[in-house]
Protein backbone atom coordinates (compact mmCIF):
# COMPACT_ATOMS: atom_id res chain seq x y z
CA MET A 1 -4.58 -13.21 -12.12
CA GLU A 2 -6.71 -11.69 -14.88
CA HIS A 3 -9.71 -9.41 -14.34
CA SER A 4 -11.93 -12.26 -15.51
CA SER A 5 -10.25 -14.91 -13.31
CA LYS A 6 -12.56 -16.78 -10.92
CA ILE A 7 -11.63 -15.59 -7.44
CA TYR A 8 -12.97 -16.99 -4.15
CA VAL A 9 -12.76 -14.74 -1.09
CA ALA A 10 -13.32 -16.93 1.98
CA GLY A 11 -14.65 -14.78 4.80
CA HIS A 12 -15.96 -12.01 2.56
CA ARG A 13 -18.21 -10.63 5.30
CA GLY A 14 -15.41 -10.21 7.83
CA MET A 15 -13.37 -7.05 8.14
CA ALA A 16 -10.38 -8.30 6.13
CA GLY A 17 -12.39 -10.34 3.64
CA SER A 18 -14.82 -7.52 2.88
CA ALA A 19 -11.90 -5.13 2.37
CA ILE A 20 -10.23 -7.60 -0.02
CA THR A 21 -13.50 -7.93 -1.93
CA ARG A 22 -13.83 -4.14 -2.16
CA LYS A 23 -10.25 -3.79 -3.35
CA LEU A 24 -10.61 -6.49 -6.00
CA ARG A 25 -13.73 -4.83 -7.41
CA GLU A 26 -12.03 -1.44 -7.27
CA LYS A 27 -9.19 -2.87 -9.36
CA GLY A 28 -11.56 -4.33 -11.96
CA TYR A 29 -11.82 -7.98 -10.92
CA ASN A 30 -15.39 -8.94 -11.76
CA ASN A 31 -15.65 -12.70 -11.21
CA ILE A 32 -15.65 -12.97 -7.42
CA ILE A 33 -17.27 -15.89 -5.59
CA ALA A 34 -18.58 -15.27 -2.09
CA LYS A 35 -20.51 -17.52 0.29
CA THR A 36 -21.84 -16.67 3.73
CA SER A 37 -21.18 -19.06 6.62
CA LYS A 38 -24.82 -20.16 6.40
CA GLU A 39 -24.41 -20.97 2.72
CA LEU A 40 -21.05 -22.71 3.24
CA ASP A 41 -19.78 -23.87 6.64
CA LEU A 42 -16.02 -24.01 6.13
CA ARG A 43 -15.75 -26.38 9.10
CA ASP A 44 -17.63 -28.99 7.05
CA GLN A 45 -15.06 -30.79 4.89
CA LYS A 46 -17.61 -32.42 2.58
CA ALA A 47 -19.34 -29.11 1.95
CA VAL A 48 -16.03 -27.38 1.23
CA HIS A 49 -14.96 -30.07 -1.23
CA LEU A 50 -18.34 -29.95 -2.99
CA PHE A 51 -18.03 -26.15 -3.29
CA PHE A 52 -14.54 -26.36 -4.83
CA GLU A 53 -15.57 -29.20 -7.14
CA THR A 54 -18.61 -27.24 -8.35
CA GLU A 55 -17.21 -23.69 -8.52
CA ARG A 56 -13.58 -24.43 -9.47
CA PRO A 57 -12.08 -21.12 -8.29
CA GLU A 58 -8.72 -20.24 -9.84
CA TYR A 59 -7.51 -17.97 -7.01
CA VAL A 60 -8.35 -18.02 -3.31
CA PHE A 61 -7.99 -15.39 -0.59
CA LEU A 62 -8.37 -17.26 2.70
CA ALA A 63 -9.52 -14.57 5.14
CA ALA A 64 -12.14 -16.64 6.98
CA ALA A 65 -11.42 -17.11 10.68
CA LYS A 66 -12.89 -16.99 14.15
CA VAL A 67 -11.48 -13.76 15.58
CA GLY A 68 -11.72 -11.59 18.69
CA GLY A 69 -9.84 -9.54 21.26
CA ILE A 70 -8.04 -10.55 24.47
CA VAL A 71 -11.22 -11.50 26.35
CA ALA A 72 -12.69 -13.58 23.53
CA ASN A 73 -9.37 -15.30 22.77
CA ASN A 74 -8.82 -16.23 26.40
CA THR A 75 -12.42 -17.27 27.09
CA TYR A 76 -13.12 -19.42 24.02
CA ARG A 77 -9.72 -21.08 23.75
CA GLY A 78 -10.99 -24.42 22.45
CA GLU A 79 -13.23 -22.85 19.83
CA PHE A 80 -10.51 -20.50 18.61
CA LEU A 81 -8.09 -23.39 18.15
CA TYR A 82 -10.50 -25.93 16.64
CA ASP A 83 -12.50 -23.65 14.36
CA ASN A 84 -9.46 -21.95 12.87
CA LEU A 85 -7.53 -25.18 12.40
CA ILE A 86 -10.36 -26.92 10.60
CA ILE A 87 -11.33 -23.93 8.44
CA GLU A 88 -7.83 -23.43 7.09
CA ALA A 89 -7.15 -27.16 6.67
CA ASN A 90 -10.37 -27.71 4.72
CA VAL A 91 -9.86 -24.75 2.39
CA ILE A 92 -6.12 -25.25 1.77
CA HIS A 93 -6.52 -28.98 1.13
CA ALA A 94 -9.48 -28.43 -1.21
CA ALA A 95 -7.47 -25.78 -3.08
CA LYS A 96 -4.79 -28.41 -3.65
CA LEU A 97 -7.24 -31.13 -4.70
CA TYR A 98 -9.09 -28.92 -7.18
CA ASP A 99 -6.04 -27.27 -8.76
CA VAL A 100 -6.34 -23.71 -7.51
CA LYS A 101 -3.63 -21.69 -9.28
CA LYS A 102 -2.75 -19.61 -6.23
CA LEU A 103 -3.94 -19.19 -2.65
CA LEU A 104 -3.17 -16.46 -0.14
CA PHE A 105 -3.62 -17.40 3.53
CA LEU A 106 -4.13 -14.51 5.92
CA GLY A 107 -2.48 -14.98 9.30
CA SER A 108 -1.92 -12.72 12.28
CA SER A 109 0.95 -10.95 14.01
CA CYS A 110 0.17 -12.93 17.19
CA ILE A 111 2.10 -15.85 15.67
CA TYR A 112 5.30 -14.27 16.96
CA PRO A 113 6.79 -14.99 20.41
CA LYS A 114 5.59 -12.74 23.23
CA LEU A 115 9.09 -11.41 23.79
CA ALA A 116 10.33 -11.49 20.21
CA THR A 117 13.02 -9.01 19.22
CA GLN A 118 11.42 -5.85 17.87
CA PRO A 119 10.58 -5.15 15.14
CA MET A 120 9.51 -8.74 14.48
CA ASN A 121 10.72 -10.18 11.20
CA GLU A 122 9.59 -13.40 9.60
CA ASP A 123 12.58 -15.34 10.95
CA ALA A 124 11.32 -14.88 14.54
CA LEU A 125 8.60 -17.51 14.11
CA LEU A 126 8.85 -20.37 16.64
CA THR A 127 11.84 -18.85 18.45
CA GLY A 128 10.05 -18.41 21.80
CA SER A 129 6.85 -18.75 23.84
CA LEU A 130 3.61 -17.22 22.67
CA GLU A 131 1.42 -14.76 24.57
CA TYR A 132 -0.86 -17.00 26.66
CA THR A 133 -4.10 -15.07 26.16
CA ASN A 134 -4.16 -15.68 22.39
CA GLU A 135 -2.02 -18.82 22.20
CA PRO A 136 -4.75 -21.07 20.64
CA TYR A 137 -5.44 -18.59 17.85
CA ALA A 138 -1.72 -18.13 17.23
CA ILE A 139 -1.10 -21.88 17.10
CA ALA A 140 -3.89 -22.28 14.55
CA LYS A 141 -2.43 -19.53 12.38
CA ILE A 142 1.06 -21.05 12.62
CA ALA A 143 -0.41 -24.36 11.49
CA GLY A 144 -1.94 -22.59 8.48
CA ILE A 145 1.42 -21.11 7.55
CA LYS A 146 3.10 -24.48 7.81
CA LEU A 147 0.36 -26.16 5.79
CA CYS A 148 0.91 -23.66 2.97
CA GLU A 149 4.67 -24.18 3.17
CA SER A 150 4.34 -27.97 3.23
CA TYR A 151 2.00 -28.05 0.23
CA TYR A 152 4.37 -25.66 -1.55
CA ASP A 153 7.25 -28.10 -0.89
CA GLN A 154 5.54 -31.46 -1.42
CA PHE A 155 3.02 -30.70 -4.15
CA GLY A 156 4.37 -27.53 -5.78
CA CYS A 157 1.26 -25.56 -4.80
CA ASN A 158 1.62 -21.79 -5.13
CA PHE A 159 0.16 -21.19 -1.67
CA ILE A 160 1.51 -18.08 0.07
CA ALA A 161 0.84 -16.60 3.50
CA ALA A 162 0.68 -12.99 4.65
CA MET A 163 0.86 -11.81 8.26
CA PRO A 164 -0.97 -8.51 8.86
CA THR A 165 -0.38 -6.27 11.81
CA ASN A 166 -3.32 -5.18 14.02
CA LEU A 167 -6.20 -4.14 11.76
CA TYR A 168 -9.10 -1.74 12.11
CA GLY A 169 -11.68 -0.18 9.83
CA PRO A 170 -15.07 -0.83 8.20
CA GLY A 171 -16.54 -4.23 9.01
CA ASP A 172 -14.97 -4.47 12.46
CA ASN A 173 -16.67 -5.94 15.54
CA TYR A 174 -17.67 -3.30 18.10
CA HIS A 175 -18.80 -5.61 20.90
CA LEU A 176 -17.43 -4.22 24.16
CA GLN A 177 -16.23 -7.62 25.45
CA ASN A 178 -15.25 -9.51 22.31
CA SER A 179 -13.70 -6.84 20.09
CA HIS A 180 -10.16 -5.65 19.43
CA VAL A 181 -8.79 -2.49 21.00
CA VAL A 182 -9.58 0.11 18.30
CA PRO A 183 -13.29 -0.69 17.85
CA ALA A 184 -13.71 -1.12 21.61
CA LEU A 185 -12.21 2.34 22.19
CA ILE A 186 -14.35 3.92 19.48
CA ARG A 187 -17.51 2.51 21.02
CA LYS A 188 -16.50 3.41 24.59
CA PHE A 189 -15.68 7.01 23.75
CA HIS A 190 -18.73 7.40 21.51
CA GLU A 191 -21.13 6.12 24.17
CA ALA A 192 -19.44 8.21 26.85
CA LYS A 193 -19.84 11.28 24.64
CA VAL A 194 -23.52 10.55 23.92
CA ASN A 195 -24.34 9.72 27.55
CA GLY A 196 -22.33 12.54 29.09
CA THR A 197 -20.11 10.12 31.02
CA PRO A 198 -17.18 12.04 32.56
CA VAL A 199 -14.58 9.24 32.51
CA VAL A 200 -13.72 6.39 30.12
CA GLU A 201 -11.92 3.45 31.73
CA ILE A 202 -9.47 1.45 29.64
CA TRP A 203 -7.86 -1.90 30.42
CA GLY A 204 -4.19 -2.11 31.33
CA SER A 205 -1.40 0.32 32.06
CA GLY A 206 -1.55 2.10 28.69
CA ARG A 207 2.16 1.42 28.12
CA PRO A 208 2.09 -1.49 25.62
CA LEU A 209 3.12 -0.49 22.11
CA ARG A 210 1.09 -1.54 19.10
CA GLU A 211 1.10 -1.14 15.33
CA PHE A 212 -2.20 -0.53 13.55
CA MET A 213 -3.14 -0.62 9.87
CA TYR A 214 -6.32 0.49 8.13
CA VAL A 215 -7.93 -2.63 6.69
CA ASP A 216 -8.18 -1.30 3.14
CA ASP A 217 -4.40 -0.92 3.12
CA LEU A 218 -4.14 -4.57 4.16
CA ALA A 219 -6.44 -5.53 1.28
CA ASP A 220 -4.27 -3.58 -1.15
CA GLY A 221 -1.22 -5.45 0.17
CA CYS A 222 -2.93 -8.82 -0.27
CA VAL A 223 -3.84 -8.12 -3.89
CA PHE A 224 -0.30 -6.85 -4.47
CA LEU A 225 1.14 -10.12 -3.11
CA MET A 226 -1.25 -12.24 -5.17
CA LEU A 227 0.08 -10.47 -8.26
CA ASN A 228 3.76 -10.15 -7.33
CA TYR A 229 4.85 -12.74 -4.75
CA ASP A 230 5.37 -16.49 -5.28
CA GLN A 231 7.74 -17.59 -2.51
CA LYS A 232 7.26 -20.18 0.24
CA GLN A 233 8.38 -17.74 2.95
CA PHE A 234 5.38 -16.03 4.56
CA ILE A 235 5.56 -12.23 4.54
CA ASN A 236 4.58 -9.45 6.93
CA ILE A 237 2.20 -6.64 5.97
CA GLY A 238 2.45 -3.63 8.28
CA THR A 239 3.06 0.09 8.54
CA GLY A 240 6.31 0.06 10.51
CA GLU A 241 4.82 2.66 12.89
CA GLU A 242 3.86 2.08 16.54
CA VAL A 243 1.87 3.88 19.20
CA SER A 244 1.20 3.24 22.90
CA ILE A 245 -2.29 2.22 23.98
CA MET A 246 -2.53 5.49 25.91
CA GLU A 247 -1.58 7.47 22.80
CA LEU A 248 -4.10 5.47 20.78
CA ALA A 249 -6.82 6.19 23.33
CA SER A 250 -6.01 9.90 23.17
CA LEU A 251 -6.24 9.82 19.37
CA VAL A 252 -9.61 8.06 19.46
CA LYS A 253 -10.84 10.49 22.11
CA GLU A 254 -9.94 13.39 19.81
CA VAL A 255 -11.52 11.81 16.72
CA VAL A 256 -14.76 11.05 18.59
CA GLY A 257 -14.85 14.46 20.27
CA PHE A 258 -15.09 13.15 23.84
CA GLU A 259 -14.19 15.88 26.34
CA GLY A 260 -13.93 13.84 29.55
CA ASP A 261 -11.00 12.02 31.13
CA ILE A 262 -9.26 8.71 30.51
CA LYS A 263 -8.62 6.31 33.41
CA MET A 264 -6.35 3.28 33.01
CA ASP A 265 -7.21 0.12 34.98
CA ALA A 266 -3.78 -1.36 35.68
CA THR A 267 -5.35 -4.43 37.36
CA LYS A 268 -6.40 -5.68 33.92
CA PRO A 269 -3.97 -7.52 31.57
CA ASP A 270 -1.82 -5.66 29.06
CA GLY A 271 -1.16 -8.56 26.73
CA THR A 272 2.09 -8.54 24.77
CA PRO A 273 4.25 -5.57 25.86
CA ARG A 274 5.25 -4.55 22.33
CA LYS A 275 4.22 -5.65 18.83
CA LEU A 276 5.89 -4.00 15.86
CA MET A 277 6.38 -5.95 12.67
CA ASP A 278 9.30 -5.69 10.30
CA SER A 279 7.68 -5.19 6.91
CA SER A 280 10.89 -4.53 5.02
CA ARG A 281 10.39 -7.52 2.70
CA ILE A 282 7.08 -6.34 1.25
CA LYS A 283 8.36 -2.77 1.11
CA ALA A 284 11.37 -3.99 -0.88
CA LEU A 285 8.91 -5.39 -3.41
CA GLY A 286 7.47 -1.89 -3.87
CA TRP A 287 4.40 -1.84 -1.61
CA ARG A 288 3.60 0.65 1.19
CA HIS A 289 0.48 1.52 3.19
CA GLN A 290 -1.42 4.72 2.36
CA LYS A 291 -3.52 5.77 5.36
CA SER A 292 -2.06 7.36 8.50
CA LEU A 293 -3.51 6.24 11.85
CA ALA A 294 -5.34 9.55 12.30
CA GLU A 295 -6.87 9.34 8.80
CA GLY A 296 -7.89 5.73 9.28
CA LEU A 297 -9.47 6.36 12.68
CA LYS A 298 -11.55 9.22 11.27
CA LEU A 299 -12.78 7.06 8.39
CA THR A 300 -13.57 4.24 10.81
CA TYR A 301 -15.51 6.49 13.18
CA ASP A 302 -17.45 7.96 10.26
CA PHE A 303 -18.38 4.42 9.22
CA PHE A 304 -19.34 3.50 12.80
CA ARG A 305 -21.75 6.43 13.01
CA SER A 306 -23.21 6.07 9.52
CA GLU A 307 -23.86 2.34 9.72
CA ASP A 308 -24.91 2.08 13.40
CA VAL A 309 -22.67 -0.98 13.73
CA ARG A 310 -22.90 -1.39 17.51
CA SER A 311 -23.89 -4.80 18.84
């Protein structure tokens, strides 16, 4: 991939896609194609094929997806399955038809079984049942992985897939009902601080363990893989570090400067009890994340305040 190569970032306005776009520009890639969902509905196969036929991108980062937290995943199950299936199928198939040199499909750590052996390595895929609350999204992402693998096998397409751990950072969704845990906590603690609320209530027991990665580190990993990885086997991108939800909440509380108390609502679902990915394969290739959780949370909160990104 040369600095002048024509690169399409699908989902460039999302958290991951915008980070990939920033990272590409930072590294000197100056021929990036980007279309908003209004300009190009990736669920429309004819529109996708016309775009690829007209633009002829050489490299594709497929970061477009319908995403959300536990509530959104469990509430809009049909939409999460259908939209993600059709987006990835349209883009991957068009990339094959119009001779894209290389495609990177961005998946999710929720593809792994709910009770997978920890840390979860790539061989754990399809070895057990999925977490019910995000099963449709996970199934769609698994289908995307398998589509890349199948096109790699049948047609010789250099289509690779990367599975990031839980992400946070600039470009996240801060809706209190439909967001992931980090942005939801940032907004809750910020509003409690501003309003003088004495207690912040958080879903679940606080015991589940999670791994979090600053989204710009994920973007760096994706560019690294596009330049250095050409195997059919999908590959994890993570930090290898985990924290409990209670510990995360305490970190966010400190970063925001909230001085009240935290109350856990154990009547609400925890989700998967533990999610730590084994990222030894990408580390063996020479890549590692740069930002600690504390550093990333501070940068994210600074962005939240400066951009007024609440919705």
